[in-house]
Amino acid sequence: MSLFIKYGSLSHQKTIYLMMICFAFLLLLSPDVFASGTGEGLPWEAPLDKLKRSLSGPVAMSISLVALVACGSSLIFGNDMNDFSRRMVLVILAITVLVSGTKLLEIFFGTSGALIS
């Protein structure tokens, strides 16, 4: 079994050779291409960092705990809720768990979750 197409012409073999040479060249070139120094960063990094600190700060933690208690009590005591309102309460409950997830792990288990910084 040959690497090349059995009934192919010479142009197919040249194309395969050219692709192999290009691939080898890209492998040899890649460390220089992807190397970069530490620059000043992109212009949207500062607002995203500020948003990350706002979502993981003490104010966000207290709001998420209040929402967690409110959603839990509405699910427990809200027997006559329709399906839409029950789903909205579950969405808010999921958002509060996501916002306060790292702090809740730290409080309950003494460990912190994975943080993207």
PDB file of N, CA and C in Angstrom:
ATOM      1  N   MET A   1       0.857  -1.171   0.000  1.00  0.00           N
ATOM      2  CA  MET A   1       0.000   0.000   0.000  1.00  0.00           C
ATOM      3  C   MET A   1       0.894   1.222   0.000  1.00  0.00           C
ATOM      4  N   SER A   2       0.697   2.049  -0.922  1.00  0.00           N
ATOM      5  CA  SER A   2       1.524   3.231  -1.069  1.00  0.00           C
ATOM      6  C   SER A   2       0.864   4.416  -0.384  1.00  0.00           C
ATOM      7  N   LEU A   3       1.680   5.394  -0.020  1.00  0.00           N
ATOM      8  CA  LEU A   3       1.169   6.616   0.582  1.00  0.00           C
ATOM      9  C   LEU A   3       0.431   7.442  -0.460  1.00  0.00           C
ATOM     10  N   PHE A   4       0.798   7.291  -1.684  1.00  0.00           N
ATOM     11  CA  PHE A   4       0.221   8.091  -2.751  1.00  0.00           C
ATOM     12  C   PHE A   4      -0.987   7.396  -3.360  1.00  0.00           C
ATOM     13  N   ILE A   5      -1.747   8.164  -4.084  1.00  0.00           N
ATOM     14  CA  ILE A   5      -2.917   7.616  -4.760  1.00  0.00           C
ATOM     15  C   ILE A   5      -2.444   6.670  -5.853  1.00  0.00           C
ATOM     16  N   LYS A   6      -3.053   5.491  -5.928  1.00  0.00           N
ATOM     17  CA  LYS A   6      -2.558   4.451  -6.827  1.00  0.00           C
ATOM     18  C   LYS A   6      -2.659   4.867  -8.287  1.00  0.00           C
ATOM     19  N   TYR A   7      -3.777   5.414  -8.671  1.00  0.00           N
ATOM     20  CA  TYR A   7      -3.965   5.777 -10.067  1.00  0.00           C
ATOM     21  C   TYR A   7      -3.786   7.280 -10.278  1.00  0.00           C
ATOM     22  N   GLY A   8      -3.163   7.964  -9.342  1.00  0.00           N
ATOM     23  CA  GLY A   8      -2.978   9.400  -9.464  1.00  0.00           C
ATOM     24  C   GLY A   8      -1.827   9.737 -10.385  1.00  0.00           C
ATOM     25  N   SER A   9      -1.844  10.939 -10.808  1.00  0.00           N
ATOM     26  CA  SER A   9      -0.767  11.380 -11.687  1.00  0.00           C
ATOM     27  C   SER A   9       0.373  11.938 -10.858  1.00  0.00           C
ATOM     28  N   LEU A  10       1.363  12.425 -11.535  1.00  0.00           N
ATOM     29  CA  LEU A  10       2.544  12.979 -10.880  1.00  0.00           C
ATOM     30  C   LEU A  10       2.211  14.250 -10.113  1.00  0.00           C
ATOM     31  N   SER A  11       1.186  14.974 -10.534  1.00  0.00           N
ATOM     32  CA  SER A  11       0.835  16.218  -9.852  1.00  0.00           C
ATOM     33  C   SER A  11       0.310  15.939  -8.441  1.00  0.00           C
ATOM     34  N   HIS A  12      -0.358  14.805  -8.225  1.00  0.00           N
ATOM     35  CA  HIS A  12      -0.813  14.461  -6.878  1.00  0.00           C
ATOM     36  C   HIS A  12       0.379  14.176  -5.968  1.00  0.00           C
ATOM     37  N   GLN A  13       1.390  13.512  -6.490  1.00  0.00           N
ATOM     38  CA  GLN A  13       2.581  13.239  -5.696  1.00  0.00           C
ATOM     39  C   GLN A  13       3.308  14.528  -5.366  1.00  0.00           C
ATOM     40  N   LYS A  14       3.394  15.445  -6.298  1.00  0.00           N
ATOM     41  CA  LYS A  14       4.037  16.731  -6.026  1.00  0.00           C
ATOM     42  C   LYS A  14       3.250  17.526  -4.987  1.00  0.00           C
ATOM     43  N   THR A  15       1.938  17.440  -5.042  1.00  0.00           N
ATOM     44  CA  THR A  15       1.111  18.142  -4.066  1.00  0.00           C
ATOM     45  C   THR A  15       1.334  17.587  -2.668  1.00  0.00           C
ATOM     46  N   ILE A  16       1.431  16.283  -2.573  1.00  0.00           N
ATOM     47  CA  ILE A  16       1.666  15.669  -1.263  1.00  0.00           C
ATOM     48  C   ILE A  16       3.050  16.026  -0.745  1.00  0.00           C
ATOM     49  N   TYR A  17       4.054  16.009  -1.602  1.00  0.00           N
ATOM     50  CA  TYR A  17       5.401  16.412  -1.192  1.00  0.00           C
ATOM     51  C   TYR A  17       5.418  17.867  -0.743  1.00  0.00           C
ATOM     52  N   LEU A  18       4.735  18.738  -1.463  1.00  0.00           N
ATOM     53  CA  LEU A  18       4.690  20.147  -1.104  1.00  0.00           C
ATOM     54  C   LEU A  18       3.990  20.343   0.235  1.00  0.00           C
ATOM     55  N   MET A  19       2.930  19.594   0.475  1.00  0.00           N
ATOM     56  CA  MET A  19       2.235  19.690   1.760  1.00  0.00           C
ATOM     57  C   MET A  19       3.111  19.191   2.900  1.00  0.00           C
ATOM     58  N   MET A  20       3.885  18.132   2.668  1.00  0.00           N
ATOM     59  CA  MET A  20       4.785  17.623   3.715  1.00  0.00           C
ATOM     60  C   MET A  20       5.890  18.626   4.019  1.00  0.00           C
ATOM     61  N   ILE A  21       6.410  19.270   2.994  1.00  0.00           N
ATOM     62  CA  ILE A  21       7.469  20.275   3.193  1.00  0.00           C
ATOM     63  C   ILE A  21       6.911  21.477   3.940  1.00  0.00           C
ATOM     64  N   CYS A  22       5.712  21.921   3.586  1.00  0.00           N
ATOM     65  CA  CYS A  22       5.093  23.053   4.290  1.00  0.00           C
ATOM     66  C   CYS A  22       4.825  22.711   5.746  1.00  0.00           C
ATOM     67  N   PHE A  23       4.368  21.503   6.008  1.00  0.00           N
ATOM     68  CA  PHE A  23       4.105  21.084   7.376  1.00  0.00           C
ATOM     69  C   PHE A  23       5.394  21.044   8.196  1.00  0.00           C
ATOM     70  N   ALA A  24       6.460  20.515   7.619  1.00  0.00           N
ATOM     71  CA  ALA A  24       7.750  20.477   8.322  1.00  0.00           C
ATOM     72  C   ALA A  24       8.269  21.888   8.577  1.00  0.00           C
ATOM     73  N   PHE A  25       8.081  22.781   7.607  1.00  0.00           N
ATOM     74  CA  PHE A  25       8.519  24.162   7.773  1.00  0.00           C
ATOM     75  C   PHE A  25       7.732  24.844   8.888  1.00  0.00           C
ATOM     76  N   LEU A  26       6.433  24.596   8.960  1.00  0.00           N
ATOM     77  CA  LEU A  26       5.622  25.189  10.021  1.00  0.00           C
ATOM     78  C   LEU A  26       5.996  24.643  11.396  1.00  0.00           C
ATOM     79  N   LEU A  27       6.357  23.376  11.453  1.00  0.00           N
ATOM     80  CA  LEU A  27       6.794  22.815  12.733  1.00  0.00           C
ATOM     81  C   LEU A  27       8.103  23.432  13.200  1.00  0.00           C
ATOM     82  N   LEU A  28       8.993  23.681  12.276  1.00  0.00           N
ATOM     83  CA  LEU A  28      10.268  24.287  12.645  1.00  0.00           C
ATOM     84  C   LEU A  28      10.117  25.766  12.960  1.00  0.00           C
ATOM     85  N   LEU A  29       9.158  26.411  12.350  1.00  0.00           N
ATOM     86  CA  LEU A  29       8.979  27.840  12.525  1.00  0.00           C
ATOM     87  C   LEU A  29       8.131  28.179  13.752  1.00  0.00           C
ATOM     88  N   SER A  30       7.338  27.259  14.242  1.00  0.00           N
ATOM     89  CA  SER A  30       6.335  27.559  15.253  1.00  0.00           C
ATOM     90  C   SER A  30       6.874  28.115  16.573  1.00  0.00           C
ATOM     91  N   PRO A  31       8.011  27.681  17.118  1.00  0.00           N
ATOM     92  CA  PRO A  31       8.446  28.297  18.380  1.00  0.00           C
ATOM     93  C   PRO A  31       8.753  29.786  18.244  1.00  0.00           C
ATOM     94  N   ASP A  32       9.259  30.203  17.090  1.00  0.00           N
ATOM     95  CA  ASP A  32       9.542  31.615  16.907  1.00  0.00           C
ATOM     96  C   ASP A  32       8.276  32.421  16.653  1.00  0.00           C
ATOM     97  N   VAL A  33       7.319  31.821  16.026  1.00  0.00           N
ATOM     98  CA  VAL A  33       6.086  32.537  15.710  1.00  0.00           C
ATOM     99  C   VAL A  33       5.262  32.774  16.959  1.00  0.00           C
ATOM    100  N   PHE A  34       5.142  31.769  17.820  1.00  0.00           N
ATOM    101  CA  PHE A  34       4.268  31.892  18.967  1.00  0.00           C
ATOM    102  C   PHE A  34       4.950  32.510  20.190  1.00  0.00           C
ATOM    103  N   ALA A  35       6.220  32.802  20.100  1.00  0.00           N
ATOM    104  CA  ALA A  35       6.901  33.430  21.227  1.00  0.00           C
ATOM    105  C   ALA A  35       6.512  34.899  21.276  1.00  0.00           C
ATOM    106  N   SER A  36       6.152  35.352  22.453  1.00  0.00           N
ATOM    107  CA  SER A  36       5.798  36.760  22.600  1.00  0.00           C
ATOM    108  C   SER A  36       6.263  37.233  23.962  1.00  0.00           C
ATOM    109  N   GLY A  37       6.576  38.479  24.019  1.00  0.00           N
ATOM    110  CA  GLY A  37       7.000  39.077  25.275  1.00  0.00           C
ATOM    111  C   GLY A  37       5.799  39.526  26.083  1.00  0.00           C
ATOM    112  N   THR A  38       6.050  40.008  27.262  1.00  0.00           N
ATOM    113  CA  THR A  38       4.969  40.502  28.093  1.00  0.00           C
ATOM    114  C   THR A  38       4.739  41.955  27.732  1.00  0.00           C
ATOM    115  N   GLY A  39       3.672  42.190  27.034  1.00  0.00           N
ATOM    116  CA  GLY A  39       3.323  43.542  26.631  1.00  0.00           C
ATOM    117  C   GLY A  39       2.432  44.192  27.663  1.00  0.00           C
ATOM    118  N   GLU A  40       1.882  45.320  27.302  1.00  0.00           N
ATOM    119  CA  GLU A  40       1.017  46.031  28.233  1.00  0.00           C
ATOM    120  C   GLU A  40      -0.400  45.484  28.237  1.00  0.00           C
ATOM    121  N   GLY A  41      -0.710  44.610  27.337  1.00  0.00           N
ATOM    122  CA  GLY A  41      -2.020  43.967  27.336  1.00  0.00           C
ATOM    123  C   GLY A  41      -2.962  44.619  26.347  1.00  0.00           C
ATOM    124  N   LEU A  42      -4.073  43.999  26.183  1.00  0.00           N
ATOM    125  CA  LEU A  42      -5.086  44.494  25.266  1.00  0.00           C
ATOM    126  C   LEU A  42      -5.956  45.526  25.961  1.00  0.00           C
ATOM    127  N   PRO A  43      -6.623  46.396  25.204  1.00  0.00           N
ATOM    128  CA  PRO A  43      -7.361  47.487  25.847  1.00  0.00           C
ATOM    129  C   PRO A  43      -8.571  47.051  26.660  1.00  0.00           C
ATOM    130  N   TRP A  44      -9.114  45.874  26.417  1.00  0.00           N
ATOM    131  CA  TRP A  44     -10.296  45.453  27.157  1.00  0.00           C
ATOM    132  C   TRP A  44      -9.955  44.602  28.371  1.00  0.00           C
ATOM    133  N   GLU A  45      -8.679  44.411  28.689  1.00  0.00           N
ATOM    134  CA  GLU A  45      -8.328  43.602  29.854  1.00  0.00           C
ATOM    135  C   GLU A  45      -8.644  44.299  31.169  1.00  0.00           C
ATOM    136  N   ALA A  46      -8.445  45.602  31.239  1.00  0.00           N
ATOM    137  CA  ALA A  46      -8.714  46.326  32.483  1.00  0.00           C
ATOM    138  C   ALA A  46     -10.206  46.302  32.846  1.00  0.00           C
ATOM    139  N   PRO A  47     -11.138  46.579  31.914  1.00  0.00           N
ATOM    140  CA  PRO A  47     -12.554  46.473  32.302  1.00  0.00           C
ATOM    141  C   PRO A  47     -12.981  45.053  32.657  1.00  0.00           C
ATOM    142  N   LEU A  48     -12.418  44.048  31.970  1.00  0.00           N
ATOM    143  CA  LEU A  48     -12.769  42.675  32.315  1.00  0.00           C
ATOM    144  C   LEU A  48     -12.226  42.284  33.680  1.00  0.00           C
ATOM    145  N   ASP A  49     -11.054  42.776  34.026  1.00  0.00           N
ATOM    146  CA  ASP A  49     -10.506  42.508  35.359  1.00  0.00           C
ATOM    147  C   ASP A  49     -11.355  43.172  36.432  1.00  0.00           C
ATOM    148  N   LYS A  50     -11.824  44.382  36.142  1.00  0.00           N
ATOM    149  CA  LYS A  50     -12.699  45.079  37.087  1.00  0.00           C
ATOM    150  C   LYS A  50     -14.016  44.329  37.259  1.00  0.00           C
ATOM    151  N   LEU A  51     -14.560  43.808  36.159  1.00  0.00           N
ATOM    152  CA  LEU A  51     -15.797  43.029  36.228  1.00  0.00           C
ATOM    153  C   LEU A  51     -15.582  41.737  37.019  1.00  0.00           C
ATOM    154  N   LYS A  52     -14.426  41.095  36.834  1.00  0.00           N
ATOM    155  CA  LYS A  52     -14.125  39.866  37.580  1.00  0.00           C
ATOM    156  C   LYS A  52     -14.040  40.136  39.078  1.00  0.00           C
ATOM    157  N   ARG A  53     -13.404  41.249  39.442  1.00  0.00           N
ATOM    158  CA  ARG A  53     -13.328  41.598  40.867  1.00  0.00           C
ATOM    159  C   ARG A  53     -14.691  41.949  41.428  1.00  0.00           C
ATOM    160  N   SER A  54     -15.550  42.582  40.613  1.00  0.00           N
ATOM    161  CA  SER A  54     -16.893  42.933  41.080  1.00  0.00           C
ATOM    162  C   SER A  54     -17.748  41.694  41.291  1.00  0.00           C
ATOM    163  N   LEU A  55     -17.600  40.696  40.405  1.00  0.00           N
ATOM    164  CA  LEU A  55     -18.409  39.486  40.530  1.00  0.00           C
ATOM    165  C   LEU A  55     -17.915  38.538  41.608  1.00  0.00           C
ATOM    166  N   SER A  56     -16.706  38.732  42.083  1.00  0.00           N
ATOM    167  CA  SER A  56     -16.191  37.837  43.118  1.00  0.00           C
ATOM    168  C   SER A  56     -15.911  38.560  44.435  1.00  0.00           C
ATOM    169  N   GLY A  57     -16.361  39.789  44.574  1.00  0.00           N
ATOM    170  CA  GLY A  57     -16.112  40.566  45.780  1.00  0.00           C
ATOM    171  C   GLY A  57     -17.140  40.295  46.865  1.00  0.00           C
ATOM    172  N   PRO A  58     -17.026  41.027  47.976  1.00  0.00           N
ATOM    173  CA  PRO A  58     -17.933  40.799  49.104  1.00  0.00           C
ATOM    174  C   PRO A  58     -19.368  41.247  48.823  1.00  0.00           C
ATOM    175  N   VAL A  59     -19.551  42.280  48.000  1.00  0.00           N
ATOM    176  CA  VAL A  59     -20.910  42.725  47.688  1.00  0.00           C
ATOM    177  C   VAL A  59     -21.639  41.669  46.863  1.00  0.00           C
ATOM    178  N   ALA A  60     -20.952  41.123  45.871  1.00  0.00           N
ATOM    179  CA  ALA A  60     -21.563  40.083  45.054  1.00  0.00           C
ATOM    180  C   ALA A  60     -21.855  38.835  45.885  1.00  0.00           C
ATOM    181  N   MET A  61     -20.990  38.538  46.831  1.00  0.00           N
ATOM    182  CA  MET A  61     -21.211  37.372  47.691  1.00  0.00           C
ATOM    183  C   MET A  61     -22.442  37.569  48.568  1.00  0.00           C
ATOM    184  N   SER A  62     -22.602  38.758  49.147  1.00  0.00           N
ATOM    185  CA  SER A  62     -23.765  38.992  50.008  1.00  0.00           C
ATOM    186  C   SER A  62     -25.053  39.016  49.193  1.00  0.00           C
ATOM    187  N   ILE A  63     -25.031  39.605  47.987  1.00  0.00           N
ATOM    188  CA  ILE A  63     -26.227  39.604  47.139  1.00  0.00           C
ATOM    189  C   ILE A  63     -26.584  38.181  46.729  1.00  0.00           C
ATOM    190  N   SER A  64     -25.581  37.384  46.396  1.00  0.00           N
ATOM    191  CA  SER A  64     -25.873  36.014  45.977  1.00  0.00           C
ATOM    192  C   SER A  64     -26.384  35.166  47.135  1.00  0.00           C
ATOM    193  N   LEU A  65     -25.924  35.402  48.338  1.00  0.00           N
ATOM    194  CA  LEU A  65     -26.450  34.650  49.484  1.00  0.00           C
ATOM    195  C   LEU A  65     -27.894  35.024  49.785  1.00  0.00           C
ATOM    196  N   VAL A  66     -28.221  36.323  49.674  1.00  0.00           N
ATOM    197  CA  VAL A  66     -29.605  36.745  49.878  1.00  0.00           C
ATOM    198  C   VAL A  66     -30.495  36.139  48.798  1.00  0.00           C
ATOM    199  N   ALA A  67     -30.032  36.145  47.544  1.00  0.00           N
ATOM    200  CA  ALA A  67     -30.808  35.560  46.452  1.00  0.00           C
ATOM    201  C   ALA A  67     -30.938  34.050  46.621  1.00  0.00           C
ATOM    202  N   LEU A  68     -29.903  33.413  47.132  1.00  0.00           N
ATOM    203  CA  LEU A  68     -29.953  31.973  47.373  1.00  0.00           C
ATOM    204  C   LEU A  68     -31.016  31.617  48.403  1.00  0.00           C
ATOM    205  N   VAL A  69     -31.074  32.384  49.481  1.00  0.00           N
ATOM    206  CA  VAL A  69     -32.086  32.141  50.513  1.00  0.00           C
ATOM    207  C   VAL A  69     -33.482  32.442  49.977  1.00  0.00           C
ATOM    208  N   ALA A  70     -33.613  33.532  49.212  1.00  0.00           N
ATOM    209  CA  ALA A  70     -34.935  33.893  48.673  1.00  0.00           C
ATOM    210  C   ALA A  70     -35.419  32.855  47.665  1.00  0.00           C
ATOM    211  N   CYS A  71     -34.546  32.403  46.793  1.00  0.00           N
ATOM    212  CA  CYS A  71     -34.947  31.392  45.802  1.00  0.00           C
ATOM    213  C   CYS A  71     -35.263  30.063  46.465  1.00  0.00           C
ATOM    214  N   GLY A  72     -34.457  29.675  47.430  1.00  0.00           N
ATOM    215  CA  GLY A  72     -34.719  28.422  48.139  1.00  0.00           C
ATOM    216  C   GLY A  72     -36.042  28.452  48.878  1.00  0.00           C
ATOM    217  N   SER A  73     -36.329  29.560  49.555  1.00  0.00           N
ATOM    218  CA  SER A  73     -37.598  29.649  50.285  1.00  0.00           C
ATOM    219  C   SER A  73     -38.783  29.733  49.340  1.00  0.00           C
ATOM    220  N   SER A  74     -38.626  30.384  48.191  1.00  0.00           N
ATOM    221  CA  SER A  74     -39.745  30.434  47.241  1.00  0.00           C
ATOM    222  C   SER A  74     -39.987  29.073  46.609  1.00  0.00           C
ATOM    223  N   LEU A  75     -38.940  28.278  46.421  1.00  0.00           N
ATOM    224  CA  LEU A  75     -39.145  26.929  45.898  1.00  0.00           C
ATOM    225  C   LEU A  75     -39.772  26.005  46.945  1.00  0.00           C
ATOM    226  N   ILE A  76     -39.397  26.205  48.201  1.00  0.00           N
ATOM    227  CA  ILE A  76     -39.947  25.350  49.254  1.00  0.00           C
ATOM    228  C   ILE A  76     -41.396  25.705  49.565  1.00  0.00           C
ATOM    229  N   PHE A  77     -41.680  27.007  49.732  1.00  0.00           N
ATOM    230  CA  PHE A  77     -43.007  27.425  50.170  1.00  0.00           C
ATOM    231  C   PHE A  77     -43.911  27.882  49.036  1.00  0.00           C
ATOM    232  N   GLY A  78     -43.438  27.924  47.818  1.00  0.00           N
ATOM    233  CA  GLY A  78     -44.261  28.379  46.701  1.00  0.00           C
ATOM    234  C   GLY A  78     -44.940  27.239  45.985  1.00  0.00           C
ATOM    235  N   ASN A  79     -45.967  26.682  46.597  1.00  0.00           N
ATOM    236  CA  ASN A  79     -46.650  25.528  46.019  1.00  0.00           C
ATOM    237  C   ASN A  79     -47.486  25.886  44.804  1.00  0.00           C
ATOM    238  N   ASP A  80     -48.031  27.095  44.765  1.00  0.00           N
ATOM    239  CA  ASP A  80     -48.939  27.461  43.687  1.00  0.00           C
ATOM    240  C   ASP A  80     -48.240  28.276  42.588  1.00  0.00           C
ATOM    241  N   MET A  81     -46.940  28.076  42.417  1.00  0.00           N
ATOM    242  CA  MET A  81     -46.206  28.772  41.358  1.00  0.00           C
ATOM    243  C   MET A  81     -46.461  28.070  40.026  1.00  0.00           C
ATOM    244  N   ASN A  82     -46.579  28.875  38.959  1.00  0.00           N
ATOM    245  CA  ASN A  82     -46.718  28.240  37.647  1.00  0.00           C
ATOM    246  C   ASN A  82     -45.343  27.812  37.143  1.00  0.00           C
ATOM    247  N   ASP A  83     -45.323  27.177  35.993  1.00  0.00           N
ATOM    248  CA  ASP A  83     -44.087  26.583  35.476  1.00  0.00           C
ATOM    249  C   ASP A  83     -43.057  27.648  35.098  1.00  0.00           C
ATOM    250  N   PHE A  84     -43.517  28.758  34.508  1.00  0.00           N
ATOM    251  CA  PHE A  84     -42.590  29.808  34.090  1.00  0.00           C
ATOM    252  C   PHE A  84     -41.886  30.434  35.289  1.00  0.00           C
ATOM    253  N   SER A  85     -42.643  30.771  36.322  1.00  0.00           N
ATOM    254  CA  SER A  85     -42.015  31.401  37.487  1.00  0.00           C
ATOM    255  C   SER A  85     -41.086  30.426  38.206  1.00  0.00           C
ATOM    256  N   ARG A  86     -41.429  29.149  38.234  1.00  0.00           N
ATOM    257  CA  ARG A  86     -40.551  28.159  38.850  1.00  0.00           C
ATOM    258  C   ARG A  86     -39.236  28.056  38.075  1.00  0.00           C
ATOM    259  N   ARG A  87     -39.314  28.094  36.740  1.00  0.00           N
ATOM    260  CA  ARG A  87     -38.089  28.052  35.926  1.00  0.00           C
ATOM    261  C   ARG A  87     -37.242  29.297  36.122  1.00  0.00           C
ATOM    262  N   MET A  88     -37.873  30.456  36.244  1.00  0.00           N
ATOM    263  CA  MET A  88     -37.112  31.693  36.472  1.00  0.00           C
ATOM    264  C   MET A  88     -36.413  31.661  37.830  1.00  0.00           C
ATOM    265  N   VAL A  89     -37.075  31.113  38.821  1.00  0.00           N
ATOM    266  CA  VAL A  89     -36.455  30.985  40.142  1.00  0.00           C
ATOM    267  C   VAL A  89     -35.265  30.034  40.062  1.00  0.00           C
ATOM    268  N   LEU A  90     -35.394  28.967  39.291  1.00  0.00           N
ATOM    269  CA  LEU A  90     -34.272  28.037  39.127  1.00  0.00           C
ATOM    270  C   LEU A  90     -33.112  28.673  38.373  1.00  0.00           C
ATOM    271  N   VAL A  91     -33.409  29.538  37.391  1.00  0.00           N
ATOM    272  CA  VAL A  91     -32.338  30.246  36.669  1.00  0.00           C
ATOM    273  C   VAL A  91     -31.610  31.189  37.609  1.00  0.00           C
ATOM    274  N   ILE A  92     -32.352  31.927  38.414  1.00  0.00           N
ATOM    275  CA  ILE A  92     -31.719  32.833  39.377  1.00  0.00           C
ATOM    276  C   ILE A  92     -30.916  32.047  40.405  1.00  0.00           C
ATOM    277  N   LEU A  93     -31.425  30.907  40.810  1.00  0.00           N
ATOM    278  CA  LEU A  93     -30.696  30.048  41.751  1.00  0.00           C
ATOM    279  C   LEU A  93     -29.385  29.561  41.144  1.00  0.00           C
ATOM    280  N   ALA A  94     -29.404  29.177  39.871  1.00  0.00           N
ATOM    281  CA  ALA A  94     -28.176  28.733  39.206  1.00  0.00           C
ATOM    282  C   ALA A  94     -27.171  29.875  39.093  1.00  0.00           C
ATOM    283  N   ILE A  95     -27.636  31.071  38.788  1.00  0.00           N
ATOM    284  CA  ILE A  95     -26.731  32.221  38.686  1.00  0.00           C
ATOM    285  C   ILE A  95     -26.100  32.532  40.031  1.00  0.00           C
ATOM    286  N   THR A  96     -26.868  32.457  41.107  1.00  0.00           N
ATOM    287  CA  THR A  96     -26.297  32.736  42.426  1.00  0.00           C
ATOM    288  C   THR A  96     -25.269  31.691  42.825  1.00  0.00           C
ATOM    289  N   VAL A  97     -25.508  30.445  42.472  1.00  0.00           N
ATOM    290  CA  VAL A  97     -24.520  29.406  42.787  1.00  0.00           C
ATOM    291  C   VAL A  97     -23.249  29.623  41.970  1.00  0.00           C
ATOM    292  N   LEU A  98     -23.387  30.041  40.712  1.00  0.00           N
ATOM    293  CA  LEU A  98     -22.201  30.315  39.896  1.00  0.00           C
ATOM    294  C   LEU A  98     -21.401  31.493  40.427  1.00  0.00           C
ATOM    295  N   VAL A  99     -22.099  32.546  40.861  1.00  0.00           N
ATOM    296  CA  VAL A  99     -21.394  33.735  41.357  1.00  0.00           C
ATOM    297  C   VAL A  99     -20.692  33.435  42.673  1.00  0.00           C
ATOM    298  N   SER A 100     -21.355  32.703  43.545  1.00  0.00           N
ATOM    299  CA  SER A 100     -20.775  32.475  44.865  1.00  0.00           C
ATOM    300  C   SER A 100     -20.104  31.113  44.986  1.00  0.00           C
ATOM    301  N   GLY A 101     -19.812  30.463  43.881  1.00  0.00           N
ATOM    302  CA  GLY A 101     -19.273  29.108  43.922  1.00  0.00           C
ATOM    303  C   GLY A 101     -17.929  28.991  44.600  1.00  0.00           C
ATOM    304  N   THR A 102     -17.002  29.873  44.269  1.00  0.00           N
ATOM    305  CA  THR A 102     -15.665  29.761  44.866  1.00  0.00           C
ATOM    306  C   THR A 102     -15.687  30.083  46.351  1.00  0.00           C
ATOM    307  N   LYS A 103     -16.488  31.070  46.744  1.00  0.00           N
ATOM    308  CA  LYS A 103     -16.570  31.399  48.178  1.00  0.00           C
ATOM    309  C   LYS A 103     -17.265  30.281  48.954  1.00  0.00           C
ATOM    310  N   LEU A 104     -18.295  29.664  48.344  1.00  0.00           N
ATOM    311  CA  LEU A 104     -18.973  28.570  49.035  1.00  0.00           C
ATOM    312  C   LEU A 104     -18.064  27.361  49.198  1.00  0.00           C
ATOM    313  N   LEU A 105     -17.227  27.092  48.196  1.00  0.00           N
ATOM    314  CA  LEU A 105     -16.255  26.006  48.344  1.00  0.00           C
ATOM    315  C   LEU A 105     -15.268  26.301  49.465  1.00  0.00           C
ATOM    316  N   GLU A 106     -14.861  27.553  49.545  1.00  0.00           N
ATOM    317  CA  GLU A 106     -13.906  27.933  50.584  1.00  0.00           C
ATOM    318  C   GLU A 106     -14.538  27.860  51.970  1.00  0.00           C
ATOM    319  N   ILE A 107     -15.808  28.237  52.077  1.00  0.00           N
ATOM    320  CA  ILE A 107     -16.484  28.217  53.377  1.00  0.00           C
ATOM    321  C   ILE A 107     -16.752  26.782  53.821  1.00  0.00           C
ATOM    322  N   PHE A 108     -17.325  25.957  52.936  1.00  0.00           N
ATOM    323  CA  PHE A 108     -17.758  24.631  53.336  1.00  0.00           C
ATOM    324  C   PHE A 108     -16.631  23.608  53.410  1.00  0.00           C
ATOM    325  N   PHE A 109     -15.698  23.655  52.473  1.00  0.00           N
ATOM    326  CA  PHE A 109     -14.677  22.610  52.389  1.00  0.00           C
ATOM    327  C   PHE A 109     -13.270  23.097  52.705  1.00  0.00           C
ATOM    328  N   GLY A 110     -13.071  24.377  52.909  1.00  0.00           N
ATOM    329  CA  GLY A 110     -11.755  24.895  53.229  1.00  0.00           C
ATOM    330  C   GLY A 110     -10.800  24.916  52.043  1.00  0.00           C
ATOM    331  N   THR A 111     -11.311  24.791  50.848  1.00  0.00           N
ATOM    332  CA  THR A 111     -10.482  24.829  49.651  1.00  0.00           C
ATOM    333  C   THR A 111     -11.076  25.805  48.662  1.00  0.00           C
ATOM    334  N   SER A 112     -10.268  26.269  47.756  1.00  0.00           N
ATOM    335  CA  SER A 112     -10.777  27.201  46.759  1.00  0.00           C
ATOM    336  C   SER A 112     -10.897  26.514  45.416  1.00  0.00           C
ATOM    337  N   GLY A 113     -11.818  26.971  44.603  1.00  0.00           N
ATOM    338  CA  GLY A 113     -12.018  26.409  43.276  1.00  0.00           C
ATOM    339  C   GLY A 113     -11.007  26.960  42.302  1.00  0.00           C
ATOM    340  N   ALA A 114     -11.121  26.531  41.088  1.00  0.00           N
ATOM    341  CA  ALA A 114     -10.219  26.995  40.039  1.00  0.00           C
ATOM    342  C   ALA A 114     -10.589  28.413  39.656  1.00  0.00           C
ATOM    343  N   LEU A 115      -9.621  29.286  39.644  1.00  0.00           N
ATOM    344  CA  LEU A 115      -9.844  30.667  39.269  1.00  0.00           C
ATOM    345  C   LEU A 115      -9.099  30.962  37.978  1.00  0.00           C
ATOM    346  N   ILE A 116      -9.740  31.666  37.087  1.00  0.00           N
ATOM    347  CA  ILE A 116      -9.087  32.092  35.849  1.00  0.00           C
ATOM    348  C   ILE A 116      -8.635  33.515  36.055  1.00  0.00           C
ATOM    349  N   SER A 117      -7.339  33.710  36.046  1.00  0.00           N
ATOM    350  CA  SER A 117      -6.846  35.071  36.263  1.00  0.00           C
ATOM    351  C   SER A 117      -5.950  35.504  35.140  1.00  0.00           C
TER     352      SER A 117
END
